[in-house]
Amino acid sequence: MITELDDHFALHVAVREEDADSAATEALKAAFTSDQVRAVIEASGTIDVAF
């Protein structure tokens, strides 16, 4: 994805209500909010961490 440096956007994880507490959903949430993902976001210089 290519964006201009002044574009703002957010990524959200959406799952069906019946899958909200599943192991797969918990793993996905943990991955998206991991220290590794935070490091990539912070290193980009154009994305703000929102978690």
Protein backbone atom coordinates (compact mmCIF):
# COMPACT_ATOMS: atom_id res chain seq x y z
CA MET A 1 0.00 0.00 0.00
CA ILE A 2 1.32 3.41 -0.92
CA THR A 3 0.06 6.49 0.91
CA GLU A 4 1.07 10.11 1.12
CA LEU A 5 2.96 11.02 4.26
CA ASP A 6 0.04 13.05 5.60
CA ASP A 7 -2.61 10.32 5.17
CA HIS A 8 -4.19 8.95 8.34
CA PHE A 9 -5.85 5.57 8.64
CA ALA A 10 -6.53 2.88 11.19
CA LEU A 11 -6.55 -0.88 11.00
CA HIS A 12 -9.27 -2.71 12.89
CA VAL A 13 -9.79 -6.39 13.53
CA ALA A 14 -13.42 -7.43 13.04
CA VAL A 15 -14.75 -10.89 13.76
CA ARG A 16 -18.18 -12.43 14.02
CA GLU A 17 -19.70 -12.26 17.48
CA GLU A 18 -19.57 -16.03 17.86
CA ASP A 19 -15.82 -15.96 17.16
CA ALA A 20 -15.02 -13.07 19.51
CA ASP A 21 -13.55 -15.29 22.24
CA SER A 22 -12.05 -17.99 20.03
CA ALA A 23 -8.41 -19.01 20.30
CA ALA A 24 -7.80 -17.80 16.75
CA THR A 25 -9.22 -14.34 17.51
CA GLU A 26 -7.18 -14.07 20.69
CA ALA A 27 -4.03 -15.05 18.77
CA LEU A 28 -4.76 -12.46 16.09
CA LYS A 29 -5.32 -9.71 18.67
CA ALA A 30 -2.12 -10.68 20.46
CA ALA A 31 -0.16 -10.59 17.21
CA PHE A 32 -1.52 -7.19 16.15
CA THR A 33 -0.63 -5.68 19.52
CA SER A 34 2.73 -7.38 19.96
CA ASP A 35 6.01 -5.64 20.67
CA GLN A 36 7.24 -6.73 17.23
CA VAL A 37 4.35 -4.99 15.47
CA ARG A 38 4.79 -1.90 17.67
CA ALA A 39 8.48 -1.77 16.67
CA VAL A 40 7.61 -1.89 12.95
CA ILE A 41 5.00 0.84 13.35
CA GLU A 42 7.29 3.09 15.36
CA ALA A 43 10.14 2.59 12.88
CA SER A 44 8.00 3.68 9.95
CA GLY A 45 7.92 7.32 10.96
CA THR A 46 4.56 7.78 9.24
CA ILE A 47 2.27 5.61 11.37
CA ASP A 48 1.15 6.28 14.94
CA VAL A 49 0.64 3.44 17.40
CA ALA A 50 -2.94 3.37 18.66
CA PHE A 51 -2.74 0.47 21.10
